[in-house]
Amino acid sequence: MVPPLQNKKRKIFSFLFCGISLEKWLKLTSAFLVSLMIGIFTIVTTSQQNHVANLNRIKDLEIANNQRQQDQEQADELHIETVYARYITEMSELFMKKDHPKLSKDEMLERLIFGRAKTLTTLRQIDIRRKNFLIFFLYEANLLNVSKNPIDLTGANLTGINLGDVGYSLKSISLKNCILINASFSMSNLEYANFYGSILDGANFSYSRLGRTNFTNCELSRTDFRHSFIYDSYFDNVNMRGALFPDSIIPLIDNAIAPNGSFVYSTYMKVRRTNLVDNGEPLCANVSFLSLKQRKWLYVGTNKPIATIVSCHFDRQEQCCFGGRKENNDDQNLDEYLYQQIDVFDYSRLIDSGKAKYNFSAYLGGMEYYNDYAYMDIEFMIKNVHVDSNKPVFRLGPVTNTERRNRTTFVYREKIDVIPKYTRQITIKMVFKKYSNNSDSSGLVHSVKLSITDLNESYETDFL
């Protein structure tokens, strides 16, 4: 029999939980917690299994990709080797048979043309290691020798090629107009080699022998010539910005951008002209128009002379100057003028850098109260075409009789500006106009000058 007090407590607990005993609540909670734990365990186990499956799948894909990449590399390697081997076989048959010395000049030319096409095609398909082998093969077969009908490799991309580091002799090798960026010729004998027109930015010529080597028209930015032996090599029309040279050697440079970025006109016997105009100050001995033509002044217009050399007072001295003729009548003769065409290729590196400054000047004048005058034009051309057709012709003058105060005198006129990029020829024109009743045009021209300098350089200084 249950004691009364215990029975009373059980009744009290039964009413505290909405009629459900604590014992039943504990049983329900336990059942719920067991189910919850089982669910959580199931979820965690499933998640772990999925994670492991994903890792296995990723690993399988990685293995498959690696295998596929390895298979592709092997296939590429086989293809490259096949292409290279076929090239060697075909070139050997073309140029290394016993009948090769008996080929006529035309037959040899045909084979060289085919050899060029075959070589360029092969170079586009093979790796850098076989490019090294290919160049060595051609050189050893005398197909890249400057004196033995070398194959023309113009346009060949030989970036990163390594033909140095072993003291190999590449004497008289011909690699004209090639892309040789970051190529290495270190420790090589390159006497009489020809790199004409090639891009050699970042190339390595350290410890090499460069005797009478041709670098004309090359790009040589950041090229390393340190510790090399350089003598009688040609560095004409080159860009050497950032290049490294031995301290004790000054190479033969002409029309170049120097390592420090400045323009070098010439470092050897070539004298830089301070005035590019021929006969800008006429000698009094030249009294005929024939003499003008002989001194580079040509004329456009009628068959009759449109200018002559006359006596005039200049700088308080009796001198001679250019004067107009009676044919220089009003505006009907707009196409009559004297002119000179000046080749400026020797300044092409400076011009193409956008840093070439020109100074064009002349003394223009006339006689007394006559309203005749003269003026000068300057035009910038490349292959007889205006460099910039949108820019007007630059003109000096005219100087009118009003500006001269009706006196026989000269007035200095000057134009200083930047030469348009890619200019290769400058044309200067001398035009006379006659409006007075005088027998000849009284327009006068004296001391015509044209100079080209670096923007940061005084045109009076001959920069080396």
Protein backbone atom coordinates (compact mmCIF):
# COMPACT_ATOMS: atom_id res chain seq x y z
CA MET A 1 0.00 0.00 0.00
CA VAL A 2 1.34 3.41 -1.04
CA PRO A 3 1.97 5.76 1.74
CA PRO A 4 -0.37 8.73 1.78
CA LEU A 5 2.36 11.32 1.49
CA GLN A 6 3.96 9.75 -1.63
CA ASN A 7 0.59 9.30 -3.21
CA LYS A 8 -0.10 12.97 -2.60
CA LYS A 9 3.18 14.01 -4.35
CA ARG A 10 2.43 11.87 -7.38
CA LYS A 11 -0.94 13.58 -7.71
CA ILE A 12 0.66 16.99 -7.44
CA PHE A 13 3.21 16.16 -10.26
CA SER A 14 0.50 14.81 -12.48
CA PHE A 15 -1.31 18.13 -12.38
CA LEU A 16 1.82 20.24 -12.95
CA PHE A 17 2.31 18.89 -16.55
CA CYS A 18 -1.17 19.27 -17.94
CA GLY A 19 -2.28 15.94 -16.74
CA ILE A 20 0.79 14.16 -18.12
CA SER A 21 3.10 12.74 -15.63
CA LEU A 22 6.75 13.63 -15.49
CA GLU A 23 7.58 10.05 -16.21
CA LYS A 24 5.69 10.18 -19.45
CA TRP A 25 7.28 13.53 -20.36
CA LEU A 26 10.70 12.03 -19.83
CA LYS A 27 9.84 9.06 -21.98
CA LEU A 28 8.53 11.30 -24.77
CA THR A 29 11.61 13.54 -24.57
CA SER A 30 13.94 10.59 -24.66
CA ALA A 31 12.17 9.17 -27.70
CA PHE A 32 12.37 12.55 -29.44
CA LEU A 33 16.06 13.01 -28.64
CA VAL A 34 16.90 9.55 -29.89
CA SER A 35 15.10 10.25 -33.17
CA LEU A 36 16.84 13.63 -33.43
CA MET A 37 20.27 12.12 -32.85
CA ILE A 38 19.60 9.44 -35.41
CA GLY A 39 18.53 12.13 -37.92
CA ILE A 40 21.57 14.27 -37.22
CA PHE A 41 23.87 11.27 -37.50
CA THR A 42 22.23 10.32 -40.78
CA ILE A 43 22.65 13.86 -42.18
CA VAL A 44 26.29 14.12 -41.07
CA THR A 45 27.11 10.68 -42.44
CA THR A 46 25.43 11.45 -45.75
CA SER A 47 27.25 14.81 -45.97
CA GLN A 48 30.59 13.17 -45.31
CA GLN A 49 29.89 10.49 -47.88
CA ASN A 50 28.93 13.15 -50.45
CA HIS A 51 32.09 15.14 -49.64
CA VAL A 52 34.25 12.06 -50.06
CA ALA A 53 32.45 11.26 -53.31
CA ASN A 54 33.04 14.80 -54.57
CA LEU A 55 36.70 14.61 -53.65
CA ASN A 56 37.01 11.29 -55.43
CA ARG A 57 35.22 12.69 -58.46
CA ILE A 58 37.50 15.77 -58.50
CA LYS A 59 40.54 13.56 -58.17
CA ASP A 60 39.31 11.33 -60.97
CA LEU A 61 38.72 14.38 -63.16
CA GLU A 62 42.18 15.72 -62.29
CA ILE A 63 43.76 12.38 -63.16
CA ALA A 64 41.79 12.29 -66.40
CA ASN A 65 42.78 15.85 -67.25
CA ASN A 66 46.41 15.17 -66.46
CA GLN A 67 46.31 12.07 -68.60
CA ARG A 68 44.60 13.96 -71.41
CA GLN A 69 47.14 16.79 -71.09
CA GLN A 70 49.98 14.28 -71.08
CA ASP A 71 48.54 12.55 -74.12
CA GLN A 72 48.16 15.92 -75.86
CA GLU A 73 51.73 16.90 -74.99
CA GLN A 74 52.98 13.60 -76.32
CA ALA A 75 50.92 14.10 -79.49
CA ASP A 76 52.22 17.67 -79.86
CA GLU A 77 55.78 16.50 -79.26
CA LEU A 78 55.36 13.78 -81.85
CA HIS A 79 53.87 16.27 -84.33
CA ILE A 80 56.67 18.79 -83.74
CA GLU A 81 59.31 16.10 -84.12
CA THR A 82 57.65 14.85 -87.31
CA VAL A 83 57.51 18.37 -88.76
CA TYR A 84 61.13 19.02 -87.84
CA ALA A 85 62.37 15.68 -89.18
CA ARG A 86 60.46 16.16 -92.45
CA TYR A 87 61.96 19.65 -92.78
CA ILE A 88 65.51 18.37 -92.31
CA THR A 89 64.92 15.61 -94.87
CA GLU A 90 63.41 17.91 -97.51
CA MET A 91 66.01 20.67 -97.07
CA SER A 92 68.81 18.10 -97.26
CA GLU A 93 67.42 16.77 -100.51
CA LEU A 94 67.08 20.29 -101.87
CA PHE A 95 70.48 21.71 -101.01
CA MET A 96 72.87 18.98 -99.92
CA LYS A 97 72.85 16.57 -102.85
CA LYS A 98 75.96 16.15 -104.97
CA ASP A 99 74.34 17.94 -107.92
CA HIS A 100 73.88 21.10 -105.83
CA PRO A 101 77.03 22.89 -107.15
CA LYS A 102 75.85 22.29 -110.73
CA LEU A 103 72.58 24.18 -110.30
CA SER A 104 72.01 27.19 -112.53
CA LYS A 105 71.37 30.59 -110.96
CA ASP A 106 67.65 30.41 -111.76
CA GLU A 107 67.35 26.89 -110.35
CA MET A 108 69.14 27.94 -107.20
CA LEU A 109 66.85 30.95 -106.83
CA GLU A 110 63.78 28.71 -107.14
CA ARG A 111 65.12 26.40 -104.45
CA LEU A 112 65.91 29.31 -102.15
CA ILE A 113 62.36 30.62 -102.55
CA PHE A 114 60.93 27.21 -101.70
CA GLY A 115 63.41 26.86 -98.85
CA ARG A 116 62.31 30.21 -97.41
CA ALA A 117 58.62 29.25 -97.51
CA LYS A 118 59.34 25.84 -96.00
CA THR A 119 61.52 27.33 -93.27
CA LEU A 120 59.03 30.01 -92.22
CA THR A 121 56.19 27.46 -92.17
CA THR A 122 58.23 25.07 -90.05
CA LEU A 123 59.34 27.76 -87.60
CA ARG A 124 55.69 28.54 -86.85
CA GLN A 125 55.06 24.91 -85.86
CA ILE A 126 58.08 23.93 -83.77
CA ASP A 127 59.21 24.78 -80.25
CA ILE A 128 62.09 27.00 -79.19
CA ARG A 129 64.52 24.07 -78.68
CA ARG A 130 64.10 22.85 -82.25
CA LYS A 131 64.29 26.43 -83.54
CA ASN A 132 67.80 26.47 -82.11
CA PHE A 133 68.60 23.20 -83.92
CA LEU A 134 67.06 24.47 -87.17
CA ILE A 135 69.15 27.64 -87.25
CA PHE A 136 72.31 25.69 -86.47
CA PHE A 137 71.42 23.22 -89.26
CA LEU A 138 70.91 26.00 -91.82
CA TYR A 139 74.12 27.73 -90.76
CA GLU A 140 76.21 24.56 -90.93
CA ALA A 141 74.69 23.79 -94.35
CA ASN A 142 75.93 27.23 -95.56
CA LEU A 143 72.33 28.35 -96.08
CA LEU A 144 72.67 31.33 -93.71
CA ASN A 145 76.08 32.55 -94.81
CA VAL A 146 76.09 36.17 -96.02
CA SER A 147 78.43 35.31 -98.90
CA LYS A 148 76.73 32.11 -100.09
CA ASN A 149 73.15 32.90 -101.17
CA PRO A 150 71.56 32.80 -97.72
CA ILE A 151 67.91 31.91 -97.28
CA ASP A 152 65.85 35.05 -96.61
CA LEU A 153 64.32 34.70 -93.13
CA THR A 154 62.52 38.06 -93.20
CA GLY A 155 59.65 37.99 -90.71
CA ALA A 156 60.81 34.84 -88.90
CA ASN A 157 59.85 34.84 -85.22
CA LEU A 158 62.91 33.66 -83.31
CA THR A 159 62.00 35.21 -79.97
CA GLY A 160 63.98 33.71 -77.11
CA ILE A 161 66.27 31.64 -79.32
CA ASN A 162 69.60 30.67 -77.71
CA LEU A 163 72.55 30.49 -80.09
CA GLY A 164 75.15 31.37 -77.50
CA ASP A 165 76.62 30.31 -74.18
CA VAL A 166 78.88 27.66 -75.73
CA GLY A 167 81.38 29.84 -77.58
CA TYR A 168 79.90 28.79 -80.92
CA SER A 169 81.19 30.43 -84.10
CA LEU A 170 78.43 32.12 -86.10
CA LYS A 171 80.77 34.09 -88.29
CA SER A 172 79.03 35.66 -91.31
CA ILE A 173 75.57 34.44 -90.26
CA SER A 174 72.65 36.20 -91.96
CA LEU A 175 69.59 36.89 -89.80
CA LYS A 176 68.13 39.92 -91.56
CA ASN A 177 64.71 41.36 -90.68
CA CYS A 178 64.00 38.71 -88.02
CA ILE A 179 62.22 38.97 -84.67
CA LEU A 180 64.97 38.15 -82.16
CA ILE A 181 63.52 39.58 -78.96
CA ASN A 182 65.38 38.27 -75.89
CA ALA A 183 67.59 36.08 -78.10
CA SER A 184 70.99 35.06 -76.77
CA PHE A 185 74.26 35.19 -78.72
CA SER A 186 76.46 35.34 -75.66
CA MET A 187 80.07 34.19 -76.09
CA SER A 188 79.60 33.74 -79.87
CA ASN A 189 81.87 34.81 -82.70
CA LEU A 190 79.65 37.08 -84.82
CA GLU A 191 82.24 38.70 -87.07
CA TYR A 192 80.71 39.86 -90.38
CA ALA A 193 77.24 38.77 -89.20
CA ASN A 194 74.27 40.59 -90.72
CA PHE A 195 71.31 41.51 -88.47
CA TYR A 196 70.00 44.25 -90.79
CA GLY A 197 66.48 45.37 -89.85
CA SER A 198 66.01 42.84 -87.04
CA ILE A 199 64.22 43.43 -83.74
CA LEU A 200 66.79 42.62 -81.05
CA ASP A 201 65.17 44.19 -78.00
CA GLY A 202 66.51 42.57 -74.85
CA ALA A 203 68.97 40.38 -76.78
CA ASN A 204 72.21 39.23 -75.13
CA PHE A 205 75.54 39.77 -76.93
CA SER A 206 77.68 39.76 -73.82
CA TYR A 207 81.20 38.34 -74.19
CA SER A 208 80.66 38.01 -77.96
CA ARG A 209 82.96 39.07 -80.77
CA LEU A 210 81.36 41.71 -83.01
CA GLY A 211 83.69 42.64 -85.84
CA ARG A 212 82.15 44.44 -88.83
CA THR A 213 78.78 43.18 -87.70
CA ASN A 214 75.83 44.91 -89.35
CA PHE A 215 73.12 46.26 -87.00
CA THR A 216 71.73 48.81 -89.49
CA ASN A 217 68.01 49.61 -88.99
CA CYS A 218 67.82 47.40 -85.90
CA GLU A 219 65.79 47.79 -82.71
CA LEU A 220 68.27 47.39 -79.84
CA SER A 221 66.36 48.53 -76.75
CA ARG A 222 67.79 47.01 -73.56
CA THR A 223 70.24 44.90 -75.59
CA ASP A 224 73.27 43.72 -73.60
CA PHE A 225 76.68 44.27 -75.23
CA ARG A 226 78.67 44.23 -72.01
CA HIS A 227 82.10 42.59 -72.10
CA SER A 228 81.82 42.13 -75.86
CA PHE A 229 84.62 42.96 -78.28
CA ILE A 230 83.23 45.47 -80.81
CA TYR A 231 85.18 46.85 -83.74
CA ASP A 232 84.11 48.38 -87.07
CA SER A 233 80.49 47.31 -86.53
CA TYR A 234 77.66 49.36 -88.03
CA PHE A 235 74.95 50.87 -85.83
CA ASP A 236 73.16 53.06 -88.41
CA ASN A 237 69.52 54.10 -87.89
CA VAL A 238 69.08 52.17 -84.64
CA ASN A 239 67.19 52.57 -81.38
CA MET A 240 69.54 51.72 -78.49
CA ARG A 241 67.47 53.12 -75.63
CA GLY A 242 68.51 51.32 -72.45
CA ALA A 243 71.21 49.23 -74.19
CA LEU A 244 74.33 48.29 -72.24
CA PHE A 245 77.77 48.80 -73.83
CA PRO A 246 81.33 48.25 -72.58
CA ASP A 247 82.58 51.41 -70.88
CA SER A 248 85.71 51.67 -73.02
CA ILE A 249 84.03 51.21 -76.43
CA ILE A 250 82.24 53.86 -78.50
CA PRO A 251 80.62 52.05 -81.44
CA LEU A 252 80.23 53.58 -84.90
CA ILE A 253 76.78 55.15 -84.58
CA ASP A 254 74.82 57.10 -87.16
CA ASN A 255 71.24 58.42 -86.84
CA ALA A 256 70.48 56.66 -83.58
CA ILE A 257 68.65 56.95 -80.29
CA ALA A 258 71.43 56.53 -77.71
CA PRO A 259 71.15 54.38 -74.55
CA ASN A 260 70.28 57.48 -72.51
CA GLY A 261 67.45 58.38 -74.91
CA SER A 262 69.20 61.28 -76.65
CA PHE A 263 69.70 61.55 -80.41
CA VAL A 264 73.11 60.78 -81.92
CA TYR A 265 73.71 62.09 -85.42
CA SER A 266 77.12 60.47 -85.88
CA THR A 267 80.11 59.34 -83.84
CA TYR A 268 82.52 58.98 -86.73
CA MET A 269 83.62 60.89 -89.83
CA LYS A 270 80.17 62.01 -90.94
CA VAL A 271 79.88 65.78 -90.38
CA ARG A 272 76.56 67.15 -89.25
CA ARG A 273 75.48 70.10 -91.36
CA THR A 274 74.31 73.19 -89.55
CA ASN A 275 72.36 74.28 -92.65
CA LEU A 276 70.59 71.67 -94.78
CA VAL A 277 69.85 74.18 -97.57
CA ASP A 278 72.29 74.17 -100.47
CA ASN A 279 73.28 77.62 -101.66
CA GLY A 280 71.08 79.39 -99.12
CA GLU A 281 73.49 82.32 -99.36
CA PRO A 282 74.24 82.68 -103.09
CA LEU A 283 77.75 83.55 -104.19
CA CYS A 284 78.09 86.58 -106.40
CA ALA A 285 79.95 84.45 -108.94
CA ASN A 286 76.67 82.63 -109.67
CA VAL A 287 75.16 85.17 -112.01
CA SER A 288 73.07 82.87 -114.18
CA PHE A 289 70.01 80.76 -113.51
CA LEU A 290 71.95 77.76 -114.77
CA SER A 291 74.16 78.21 -111.75
CA LEU A 292 71.06 78.11 -109.52
CA LYS A 293 70.08 74.75 -110.97
CA GLN A 294 73.58 73.46 -110.48
CA ARG A 295 73.34 74.47 -106.81
CA LYS A 296 70.22 72.34 -106.16
CA TRP A 297 67.68 75.10 -106.81
CA LEU A 298 65.07 73.90 -109.32
CA TYR A 299 62.06 75.79 -110.59
CA VAL A 300 58.45 75.12 -111.46
CA GLY A 301 56.53 77.28 -113.91
CA THR A 302 57.38 78.70 -117.32
CA ASN A 303 60.43 77.73 -119.31
CA LYS A 304 61.87 81.16 -118.58
CA PRO A 305 63.92 81.87 -115.45
CA ILE A 306 61.76 83.05 -112.56
CA ALA A 307 64.61 84.20 -110.33
CA THR A 308 68.16 85.39 -110.54
CA ILE A 309 71.07 86.38 -108.34
CA VAL A 310 71.36 90.13 -107.81
CA SER A 311 73.70 92.41 -105.93
CA CYS A 312 72.35 93.69 -102.63
CA HIS A 313 73.48 95.22 -99.38
CA PHE A 314 73.22 92.83 -96.47
CA ASP A 315 74.57 93.40 -92.98
CA ARG A 316 76.22 96.62 -94.26
CA GLN A 317 78.17 94.66 -96.85
CA GLU A 318 77.92 94.33 -100.60
CA GLN A 319 76.64 90.80 -101.15
CA CYS A 320 74.40 88.83 -103.46
CA CYS A 321 70.88 87.57 -102.89
CA PHE A 322 67.98 86.00 -104.74
CA GLY A 323 65.78 88.32 -106.74
CA GLY A 324 62.64 87.84 -108.83
CA ARG A 325 62.29 88.27 -112.59
CA LYS A 326 59.73 90.12 -114.66
CA GLU A 327 57.76 86.88 -115.29
CA ASN A 328 56.60 86.92 -111.63
CA ASN A 329 53.37 88.70 -112.51
CA ASP A 330 50.37 89.00 -110.14
CA ASP A 331 48.39 86.00 -108.94
CA GLN A 332 48.17 84.26 -112.30
CA ASN A 333 51.56 82.63 -111.66
CA LEU A 334 50.80 80.84 -108.45
CA ASP A 335 52.70 77.74 -109.60
CA GLU A 336 56.00 79.49 -110.31
CA TYR A 337 58.67 79.01 -107.67
CA LEU A 338 62.17 77.81 -106.90
CA TYR A 339 62.46 74.75 -104.71
CA GLN A 340 64.81 72.27 -103.07
CA GLN A 341 64.03 68.76 -101.86
CA ILE A 342 66.04 67.81 -98.80
CA ASP A 343 66.44 64.18 -97.76
CA VAL A 344 66.21 63.89 -93.96
CA PHE A 345 66.60 60.11 -93.55
CA ASP A 346 69.74 60.74 -91.48
CA TYR A 347 67.42 62.20 -88.83
CA SER A 348 64.69 59.55 -89.15
CA ARG A 349 65.15 58.06 -85.66
CA LEU A 350 64.81 61.47 -84.06
CA ILE A 351 61.88 62.41 -86.32
CA ASP A 352 59.98 59.18 -85.67
CA SER A 353 60.38 59.66 -81.93
CA GLY A 354 58.41 62.91 -82.23
CA LYS A 355 61.29 64.92 -80.76
CA ALA A 356 62.80 66.46 -83.91
CA LYS A 357 62.70 70.24 -83.95
CA TYR A 358 63.29 72.24 -87.12
CA ASN A 359 64.42 75.85 -87.42
CA PHE A 360 63.55 77.39 -90.78
CA SER A 361 64.64 80.97 -91.35
CA ALA A 362 65.41 83.53 -94.05
CA TYR A 363 65.91 87.26 -94.56
CA LEU A 364 63.10 88.57 -96.76
CA GLY A 365 62.92 92.06 -98.23
CA GLY A 366 62.48 94.29 -101.22
CA MET A 367 63.51 97.57 -102.78
CA GLU A 368 62.26 101.01 -101.82
CA TYR A 369 58.53 101.63 -102.20
CA TYR A 370 57.85 98.84 -104.69
CA ASN A 371 55.11 96.54 -103.42
CA ASP A 372 56.72 93.38 -104.80
CA TYR A 373 57.70 90.72 -102.27
CA ALA A 374 58.97 87.19 -101.73
CA TYR A 375 58.06 84.42 -99.29
CA MET A 376 59.27 80.90 -98.35
CA ASP A 377 57.21 77.73 -97.83
CA ILE A 378 58.19 74.48 -96.12
CA GLU A 379 56.43 71.13 -96.61
CA PHE A 380 56.98 67.74 -94.97
CA MET A 381 56.77 64.68 -97.19
CA ILE A 382 57.17 60.92 -97.22
CA LYS A 383 57.63 59.42 -100.69
CA ASN A 384 56.29 62.63 -102.28
CA VAL A 385 53.12 62.55 -100.17
CA HIS A 386 52.34 65.05 -97.43
CA VAL A 387 52.89 63.52 -94.02
CA ASP A 388 49.77 65.25 -92.67
CA SER A 389 47.44 66.55 -95.35
CA ASN A 390 45.35 68.35 -92.71
CA LYS A 391 48.20 70.68 -91.81
CA PRO A 392 48.72 73.77 -93.95
CA VAL A 393 52.03 74.64 -95.54
CA PHE A 394 54.20 76.61 -93.14
CA ARG A 395 55.21 79.99 -94.57
CA LEU A 396 57.84 82.63 -93.91
CA GLY A 397 56.76 86.09 -95.01
CA PRO A 398 55.93 87.92 -97.07
CA VAL A 399 57.53 91.18 -95.97
CA THR A 400 55.63 94.07 -97.55
CA ASN A 401 56.96 97.51 -98.44
CA THR A 402 54.91 98.86 -95.53
CA GLU A 403 56.76 96.61 -93.10
CA ARG A 404 60.03 97.73 -94.70
CA ARG A 405 58.90 101.37 -94.39
CA ASN A 406 59.57 101.75 -98.10
CA ARG A 407 63.27 101.15 -97.61
CA THR A 408 65.55 98.71 -99.40
CA THR A 409 66.21 96.29 -96.56
CA PHE A 410 65.65 92.80 -95.17
CA VAL A 411 63.53 91.53 -92.28
CA TYR A 412 64.37 88.31 -90.47
CA ARG A 413 61.66 85.66 -90.44
CA GLU A 414 61.86 82.36 -88.53
CA LYS A 415 59.70 79.28 -87.93
CA ILE A 416 60.50 76.77 -85.16
CA ASP A 417 58.31 73.71 -84.65
CA VAL A 418 58.28 69.91 -84.34
CA ILE A 419 58.75 67.89 -87.53
CA PRO A 420 55.79 65.56 -88.14
CA LYS A 421 56.57 61.90 -87.48
CA TYR A 422 57.73 59.71 -90.38
CA THR A 423 58.89 62.67 -92.49
CA ARG A 424 61.59 61.56 -94.93
CA GLN A 425 61.79 64.60 -97.21
CA ILE A 426 61.41 68.33 -96.70
CA THR A 427 60.59 70.63 -99.60
CA ILE A 428 61.31 74.33 -99.34
CA LYS A 429 59.92 76.79 -101.88
CA MET A 430 60.95 80.31 -102.77
CA VAL A 431 58.19 82.39 -104.35
CA PHE A 432 58.47 85.91 -105.86
CA LYS A 433 55.51 88.17 -106.58
CA LYS A 434 55.57 91.21 -108.87
CA TYR A 435 52.87 93.89 -108.64
CA SER A 436 54.87 97.04 -109.45
CA ASN A 437 55.76 98.57 -112.78
CA ASN A 438 59.40 97.82 -112.15
CA SER A 439 61.18 95.79 -114.85
CA ASP A 440 61.74 92.84 -112.46
CA SER A 441 60.20 91.78 -109.17
CA SER A 442 61.89 93.70 -106.41
CA GLY A 443 61.32 90.92 -103.89
CA LEU A 444 64.59 89.76 -102.30
CA VAL A 445 65.68 86.66 -100.33
CA HIS A 446 68.92 86.09 -98.46
CA SER A 447 70.42 83.55 -96.07
CA VAL A 448 67.91 80.69 -96.27
CA LYS A 449 68.61 78.18 -93.49
CA LEU A 450 67.15 74.93 -92.22
CA SER A 451 68.46 72.95 -89.25
CA ILE A 452 67.17 69.91 -87.33
CA THR A 453 67.90 69.28 -83.67
CA ASP A 454 66.57 67.48 -80.62
CA LEU A 455 63.77 69.28 -78.77
CA ASN A 456 66.04 69.53 -75.75
CA GLU A 457 69.01 70.77 -77.78
CA SER A 458 69.99 74.18 -79.07
CA TYR A 459 70.04 74.17 -82.87
CA GLU A 460 73.41 75.91 -82.70
CA THR A 461 75.02 72.91 -81.01
CA ASP A 462 76.31 69.86 -82.86
CA PHE A 463 75.20 67.10 -80.53
CA LEU A 464 77.17 63.86 -80.47
